Amino acid sequence: MTQNKKDLSPRVQAGLGLAGIVQVAFAFLAFWDLAHREADEVRGPKAAWIPAILVNWIGPASYFLFGIRR
């Protein structure tokens, strides 16, 4: 079931590339927000959110949904 990247259509390759760019941008925004937020505005220690944000899609989404005190 494994396919080589060359075997994928150009449309699928572009979609995967775009998804990768969006994922990196999402993680970047989460890191930027974490760096610019005070410690008392974040649930839990800020250092614990760094490795969590590195988990694809789930980490940045978890940070924005659960990590910020409102």
PDB file of N, CA and C in Angstrom:
ATOM      1  N   MET A   1       0.811  -1.175   0.000  1.00  0.00           N
ATOM      2  CA  MET A   1       0.000   0.000   0.000  1.00  0.00           C
ATOM      3  C   MET A   1       0.867   1.255   0.000  1.00  0.00           C
ATOM      4  N   THR A   2       2.140   1.130   0.265  1.00  0.00           N
ATOM      5  CA  THR A   2       3.023   2.279   0.262  1.00  0.00           C
ATOM      6  C   THR A   2       3.246   2.764  -1.162  1.00  0.00           C
ATOM      7  N   GLN A   3       3.090   4.076  -1.353  1.00  0.00           N
ATOM      8  CA  GLN A   3       3.321   4.649  -2.669  1.00  0.00           C
ATOM      9  C   GLN A   3       4.518   5.571  -2.608  1.00  0.00           C
ATOM     10  N   ASN A   4       5.203   5.633  -3.727  1.00  0.00           N
ATOM     11  CA  ASN A   4       6.294   6.559  -3.872  1.00  0.00           C
ATOM     12  C   ASN A   4       5.709   7.934  -4.168  1.00  0.00           C
ATOM     13  N   LYS A   5       6.374   8.983  -3.725  1.00  0.00           N
ATOM     14  CA  LYS A   5       5.867  10.329  -3.965  1.00  0.00           C
ATOM     15  C   LYS A   5       5.726  10.606  -5.456  1.00  0.00           C
ATOM     16  N   LYS A   6       6.590  10.019  -6.254  1.00  0.00           N
ATOM     17  CA  LYS A   6       6.538  10.229  -7.702  1.00  0.00           C
ATOM     18  C   LYS A   6       5.296   9.592  -8.320  1.00  0.00           C
ATOM     19  N   ASP A   7       4.731   8.613  -7.646  1.00  0.00           N
ATOM     20  CA  ASP A   7       3.548   7.931  -8.167  1.00  0.00           C
ATOM     21  C   ASP A   7       2.260   8.722  -7.924  1.00  0.00           C
ATOM     22  N   LEU A   8       2.301   9.732  -7.081  1.00  0.00           N
ATOM     23  CA  LEU A   8       1.117  10.522  -6.780  1.00  0.00           C
ATOM     24  C   LEU A   8       0.900  11.567  -7.871  1.00  0.00           C
ATOM     25  N   SER A   9      -0.352  11.898  -8.086  1.00  0.00           N
ATOM     26  CA  SER A   9      -0.658  12.910  -9.093  1.00  0.00           C
ATOM     27  C   SER A   9      -0.175  14.280  -8.613  1.00  0.00           C
ATOM     28  N   PRO A  10       0.072  15.195  -9.534  1.00  0.00           N
ATOM     29  CA  PRO A  10       0.503  16.534  -9.129  1.00  0.00           C
ATOM     30  C   PRO A  10      -0.501  17.231  -8.222  1.00  0.00           C
ATOM     31  N   ARG A  11      -1.772  16.975  -8.414  1.00  0.00           N
ATOM     32  CA  ARG A  11      -2.806  17.579  -7.570  1.00  0.00           C
ATOM     33  C   ARG A  11      -2.699  17.079  -6.131  1.00  0.00           C
ATOM     34  N   VAL A  12      -2.466  15.786  -5.955  1.00  0.00           N
ATOM     35  CA  VAL A  12      -2.307  15.207  -4.623  1.00  0.00           C
ATOM     36  C   VAL A  12      -1.018  15.718  -3.980  1.00  0.00           C
ATOM     37  N   GLN A  13       0.055  15.814  -4.750  1.00  0.00           N
ATOM     38  CA  GLN A  13       1.318  16.344  -4.229  1.00  0.00           C
ATOM     39  C   GLN A  13       1.145  17.782  -3.751  1.00  0.00           C
ATOM     40  N   ALA A  14       0.425  18.584  -4.513  1.00  0.00           N
ATOM     41  CA  ALA A  14       0.185  19.975  -4.120  1.00  0.00           C
ATOM     42  C   ALA A  14      -0.656  20.036  -2.849  1.00  0.00           C
ATOM     43  N   GLY A  15      -1.655  19.174  -2.748  1.00  0.00           N
ATOM     44  CA  GLY A  15      -2.486  19.140  -1.551  1.00  0.00           C
ATOM     45  C   GLY A  15      -1.696  18.752  -0.318  1.00  0.00           C
ATOM     46  N   LEU A  16      -0.823  17.766  -0.458  1.00  0.00           N
ATOM     47  CA  LEU A  16       0.010  17.356   0.670  1.00  0.00           C
ATOM     48  C   LEU A  16       0.993  18.456   1.055  1.00  0.00           C
ATOM     49  N   GLY A  17       1.530  19.130   0.053  1.00  0.00           N
ATOM     50  CA  GLY A  17       2.430  20.250   0.327  1.00  0.00           C
ATOM     51  C   GLY A  17       1.725  21.374   1.061  1.00  0.00           C
ATOM     52  N   LEU A  18       0.528  21.690   0.625  1.00  0.00           N
ATOM     53  CA  LEU A  18      -0.255  22.732   1.280  1.00  0.00           C
ATOM     54  C   LEU A  18      -0.605  22.339   2.717  1.00  0.00           C
ATOM     55  N   ALA A  19      -0.980  21.084   2.922  1.00  0.00           N
ATOM     56  CA  ALA A  19      -1.285  20.611   4.278  1.00  0.00           C
ATOM     57  C   ALA A  19      -0.055  20.716   5.182  1.00  0.00           C
ATOM     58  N   GLY A  20       1.112  20.417   4.640  1.00  0.00           N
ATOM     59  CA  GLY A  20       2.348  20.542   5.411  1.00  0.00           C
ATOM     60  C   GLY A  20       2.648  21.983   5.783  1.00  0.00           C
ATOM     61  N   ILE A  21       2.424  22.896   4.846  1.00  0.00           N
ATOM     62  CA  ILE A  21       2.657  24.317   5.115  1.00  0.00           C
ATOM     63  C   ILE A  21       1.690  24.818   6.189  1.00  0.00           C
ATOM     64  N   VAL A  22       0.428  24.425   6.100  1.00  0.00           N
ATOM     65  CA  VAL A  22      -0.567  24.842   7.094  1.00  0.00           C
ATOM     66  C   VAL A  22      -0.208  24.278   8.465  1.00  0.00           C
ATOM     67  N   GLN A  23       0.247  23.046   8.513  1.00  0.00           N
ATOM     68  CA  GLN A  23       0.624  22.423   9.783  1.00  0.00           C
ATOM     69  C   GLN A  23       1.796  23.160  10.425  1.00  0.00           C
ATOM     70  N   VAL A  24       2.807  23.493   9.638  1.00  0.00           N
ATOM     71  CA  VAL A  24       3.968  24.220  10.170  1.00  0.00           C
ATOM     72  C   VAL A  24       3.551  25.612  10.637  1.00  0.00           C
ATOM     73  N   ALA A  25       2.691  26.281   9.877  1.00  0.00           N
ATOM     74  CA  ALA A  25       2.214  27.613  10.269  1.00  0.00           C
ATOM     75  C   ALA A  25       1.410  27.543  11.566  1.00  0.00           C
ATOM     76  N   PHE A  26       0.589  26.537  11.716  1.00  0.00           N
ATOM     77  CA  PHE A  26      -0.215  26.344  12.929  1.00  0.00           C
ATOM     78  C   PHE A  26       0.696  26.156  14.142  1.00  0.00           C
ATOM     79  N   ALA A  27       1.731  25.335  13.995  1.00  0.00           N
ATOM     80  CA  ALA A  27       2.674  25.119  15.094  1.00  0.00           C
ATOM     81  C   ALA A  27       3.449  26.404  15.390  1.00  0.00           C
ATOM     82  N   PHE A  28       3.858  27.128  14.340  1.00  0.00           N
ATOM     83  CA  PHE A  28       4.575  28.377  14.540  1.00  0.00           C
ATOM     84  C   PHE A  28       3.723  29.372  15.332  1.00  0.00           C
ATOM     85  N   LEU A  29       2.460  29.503  14.967  1.00  0.00           N
ATOM     86  CA  LEU A  29       1.568  30.417  15.675  1.00  0.00           C
ATOM     87  C   LEU A  29       1.399  30.021  17.142  1.00  0.00           C
ATOM     88  N   ALA A  30       1.319  28.723  17.401  1.00  0.00           N
ATOM     89  CA  ALA A  30       1.201  28.259  18.787  1.00  0.00           C
ATOM     90  C   ALA A  30       2.470  28.590  19.573  1.00  0.00           C
ATOM     91  N   PHE A  31       3.640  28.356  18.973  1.00  0.00           N
ATOM     92  CA  PHE A  31       4.894  28.697  19.652  1.00  0.00           C
ATOM     93  C   PHE A  31       5.011  30.206  19.870  1.00  0.00           C
ATOM     94  N   TRP A  32       4.626  30.993  18.881  1.00  0.00           N
ATOM     95  CA  TRP A  32       4.700  32.445  18.998  1.00  0.00           C
ATOM     96  C   TRP A  32       3.793  32.935  20.124  1.00  0.00           C
ATOM     97  N   ASP A  33       2.578  32.400  20.157  1.00  0.00           N
ATOM     98  CA  ASP A  33       1.636  32.781  21.201  1.00  0.00           C
ATOM     99  C   ASP A  33       2.162  32.386  22.578  1.00  0.00           C
ATOM    100  N   LEU A  34       2.695  31.181  22.676  1.00  0.00           N
ATOM    101  CA  LEU A  34       3.241  30.709  23.959  1.00  0.00           C
ATOM    102  C   LEU A  34       4.392  31.600  24.423  1.00  0.00           C
ATOM    103  N   ALA A  35       5.237  32.008  23.515  1.00  0.00           N
ATOM    104  CA  ALA A  35       6.387  32.837  23.872  1.00  0.00           C
ATOM    105  C   ALA A  35       5.971  34.238  24.320  1.00  0.00           C
ATOM    106  N   HIS A  36       4.888  34.748  23.786  1.00  0.00           N
ATOM    107  CA  HIS A  36       4.473  36.108  24.091  1.00  0.00           C
ATOM    108  C   HIS A  36       3.414  36.201  25.189  1.00  0.00           C
ATOM    109  N   ARG A  37       3.026  35.095  25.734  1.00  0.00           N
ATOM    110  CA  ARG A  37       2.016  35.081  26.791  1.00  0.00           C
ATOM    111  C   ARG A  37       2.694  34.960  28.153  1.00  0.00           C
ATOM    112  N   GLU A  38       2.123  35.619  29.152  1.00  0.00           N
ATOM    113  CA  GLU A  38       2.635  35.514  30.523  1.00  0.00           C
ATOM    114  C   GLU A  38       2.342  34.107  31.060  1.00  0.00           C
ATOM    115  N   ALA A  39       3.151  33.657  32.002  1.00  0.00           N
ATOM    116  CA  ALA A  39       3.003  32.310  32.556  1.00  0.00           C
ATOM    117  C   ALA A  39       1.656  32.106  33.245  1.00  0.00           C
ATOM    118  N   ASP A  40       1.119  33.159  33.843  1.00  0.00           N
ATOM    119  CA  ASP A  40      -0.161  32.997  34.527  1.00  0.00           C
ATOM    120  C   ASP A  40      -1.348  32.954  33.560  1.00  0.00           C
ATOM    121  N   GLU A  41      -1.117  33.194  32.287  1.00  0.00           N
ATOM    122  CA  GLU A  41      -2.170  33.105  31.276  1.00  0.00           C
ATOM    123  C   GLU A  41      -2.208  31.735  30.593  1.00  0.00           C
ATOM    124  N   VAL A  42      -1.291  30.853  30.976  1.00  0.00           N
ATOM    125  CA  VAL A  42      -1.181  29.520  30.369  1.00  0.00           C
ATOM    126  C   VAL A  42      -1.474  28.480  31.429  1.00  0.00           C
ATOM    127  N   ARG A  43      -2.279  27.490  31.066  1.00  0.00           N
ATOM    128  CA  ARG A  43      -2.556  26.387  31.995  1.00  0.00           C
ATOM    129  C   ARG A  43      -1.361  25.452  32.012  1.00  0.00           C
ATOM    130  N   GLY A  44      -0.845  25.198  33.184  1.00  0.00           N
ATOM    131  CA  GLY A  44       0.317  24.338  33.327  1.00  0.00           C
ATOM    132  C   GLY A  44       1.596  25.106  33.030  1.00  0.00           C
ATOM    133  N   PRO A  45       2.727  24.448  33.208  1.00  0.00           N
ATOM    134  CA  PRO A  45       4.000  25.122  32.936  1.00  0.00           C
ATOM    135  C   PRO A  45       4.205  25.339  31.429  1.00  0.00           C
ATOM    136  N   LYS A  46       4.731  26.495  31.088  1.00  0.00           N
ATOM    137  CA  LYS A  46       4.961  26.817  29.680  1.00  0.00           C
ATOM    138  C   LYS A  46       5.915  25.806  29.034  1.00  0.00           C
ATOM    139  N   ALA A  47       6.903  25.343  29.792  1.00  0.00           N
ATOM    140  CA  ALA A  47       7.882  24.393  29.245  1.00  0.00           C
ATOM    141  C   ALA A  47       7.228  23.068  28.845  1.00  0.00           C
ATOM    142  N   ALA A  48       6.147  22.710  29.495  1.00  0.00           N
ATOM    143  CA  ALA A  48       5.463  21.456  29.158  1.00  0.00           C
ATOM    144  C   ALA A  48       4.723  21.564  27.829  1.00  0.00           C
ATOM    145  N   TRP A  49       4.357  22.775  27.434  1.00  0.00           N
ATOM    146  CA  TRP A  49       3.626  22.949  26.173  1.00  0.00           C
ATOM    147  C   TRP A  49       4.546  22.868  24.953  1.00  0.00           C
ATOM    148  N   ILE A  50       5.840  23.075  25.144  1.00  0.00           N
ATOM    149  CA  ILE A  50       6.761  23.052  24.002  1.00  0.00           C
ATOM    150  C   ILE A  50       6.757  21.693  23.304  1.00  0.00           C
ATOM    151  N   PRO A  51       7.006  20.582  24.010  1.00  0.00           N
ATOM    152  CA  PRO A  51       6.950  19.294  23.294  1.00  0.00           C
ATOM    153  C   PRO A  51       5.535  18.934  22.851  1.00  0.00           C
ATOM    154  N   ALA A  52       4.530  19.399  23.590  1.00  0.00           N
ATOM    155  CA  ALA A  52       3.147  19.087  23.202  1.00  0.00           C
ATOM    156  C   ALA A  52       2.797  19.720  21.867  1.00  0.00           C
ATOM    157  N   ILE A  53       3.262  20.934  21.633  1.00  0.00           N
ATOM    158  CA  ILE A  53       2.965  21.627  20.383  1.00  0.00           C
ATOM    159  C   ILE A  53       3.617  20.924  19.197  1.00  0.00           C
ATOM    160  N   LEU A  54       4.689  20.199  19.439  1.00  0.00           N
ATOM    161  CA  LEU A  54       5.382  19.496  18.348  1.00  0.00           C
ATOM    162  C   LEU A  54       4.599  18.307  17.795  1.00  0.00           C
ATOM    163  N   VAL A  55       3.572  17.870  18.494  1.00  0.00           N
ATOM    164  CA  VAL A  55       2.751  16.755  18.010  1.00  0.00           C
ATOM    165  C   VAL A  55       1.852  17.286  16.892  1.00  0.00           C
ATOM    166  N   ASN A  56       1.971  16.685  15.722  1.00  0.00           N
ATOM    167  CA  ASN A  56       1.269  17.179  14.535  1.00  0.00           C
ATOM    168  C   ASN A  56      -0.200  17.431  14.794  1.00  0.00           C
ATOM    169  N   TRP A  57      -0.663  18.586  14.409  1.00  0.00           N
ATOM    170  CA  TRP A  57      -2.046  19.052  14.467  1.00  0.00           C
ATOM    171  C   TRP A  57      -2.634  19.021  15.873  1.00  0.00           C
ATOM    172  N   ILE A  58      -2.474  17.923  16.573  1.00  0.00           N
ATOM    173  CA  ILE A  58      -3.102  17.762  17.885  1.00  0.00           C
ATOM    174  C   ILE A  58      -2.474  18.700  18.913  1.00  0.00           C
ATOM    175  N   GLY A  59      -1.181  18.851  18.877  1.00  0.00           N
ATOM    176  CA  GLY A  59      -0.497  19.694  19.850  1.00  0.00           C
ATOM    177  C   GLY A  59      -0.904  21.158  19.775  1.00  0.00           C
ATOM    178  N   PRO A  60      -0.775  21.796  18.595  1.00  0.00           N
ATOM    179  CA  PRO A  60      -1.202  23.200  18.512  1.00  0.00           C
ATOM    180  C   PRO A  60      -2.691  23.380  18.796  1.00  0.00           C
ATOM    181  N   ALA A  61      -3.510  22.461  18.329  1.00  0.00           N
ATOM    182  CA  ALA A  61      -4.943  22.558  18.584  1.00  0.00           C
ATOM    183  C   ALA A  61      -5.225  22.445  20.084  1.00  0.00           C
ATOM    184  N   SER A  62      -4.545  21.529  20.763  1.00  0.00           N
ATOM    185  CA  SER A  62      -4.721  21.375  22.212  1.00  0.00           C
ATOM    186  C   SER A  62      -4.289  22.630  22.953  1.00  0.00           C
ATOM    187  N   TYR A  63      -3.183  23.220  22.494  1.00  0.00           N
ATOM    188  CA  TYR A  63      -2.716  24.444  23.147  1.00  0.00           C
ATOM    189  C   TYR A  63      -3.763  25.547  23.019  1.00  0.00           C
ATOM    190  N   PHE A  64      -4.271  25.773  21.822  1.00  0.00           N
ATOM    191  CA  PHE A  64      -5.239  26.847  21.627  1.00  0.00           C
ATOM    192  C   PHE A  64      -6.581  26.549  22.307  1.00  0.00           C
ATOM    193  N   LEU A  65      -6.966  25.273  22.391  1.00  0.00           N
ATOM    194  CA  LEU A  65      -8.245  24.933  23.014  1.00  0.00           C
ATOM    195  C   LEU A  65      -8.177  24.847  24.538  1.00  0.00           C
ATOM    196  N   PHE A  66      -7.089  24.271  25.061  1.00  0.00           N
ATOM    197  CA  PHE A  66      -7.013  23.975  26.486  1.00  0.00           C
ATOM    198  C   PHE A  66      -5.880  24.681  27.226  1.00  0.00           C
ATOM    199  N   GLY A  67      -4.883  25.165  26.542  1.00  0.00           N
ATOM    200  CA  GLY A  67      -3.702  25.704  27.201  1.00  0.00           C
ATOM    201  C   GLY A  67      -3.775  27.159  27.591  1.00  0.00           C
ATOM    202  N   ILE A  68      -4.711  27.895  26.997  1.00  0.00           N
ATOM    203  CA  ILE A  68      -4.801  29.317  27.271  1.00  0.00           C
ATOM    204  C   ILE A  68      -5.924  29.576  28.261  1.00  0.00           C
ATOM    205  N   ARG A  69      -5.592  30.288  29.318  1.00  0.00           N
ATOM    206  CA  ARG A  69      -6.630  30.677  30.287  1.00  0.00           C
ATOM    207  C   ARG A  69      -7.416  31.838  29.711  1.00  0.00           C
ATOM    208  N   ARG A  70      -8.717  31.743  29.815  1.00  0.00           N
ATOM    209  CA  ARG A  70      -9.564  32.811  29.306  1.00  0.00           C
ATOM    210  C   ARG A  70     -10.274  33.490  30.436  1.00  0.00           C
TER     211      ARG A  70
END
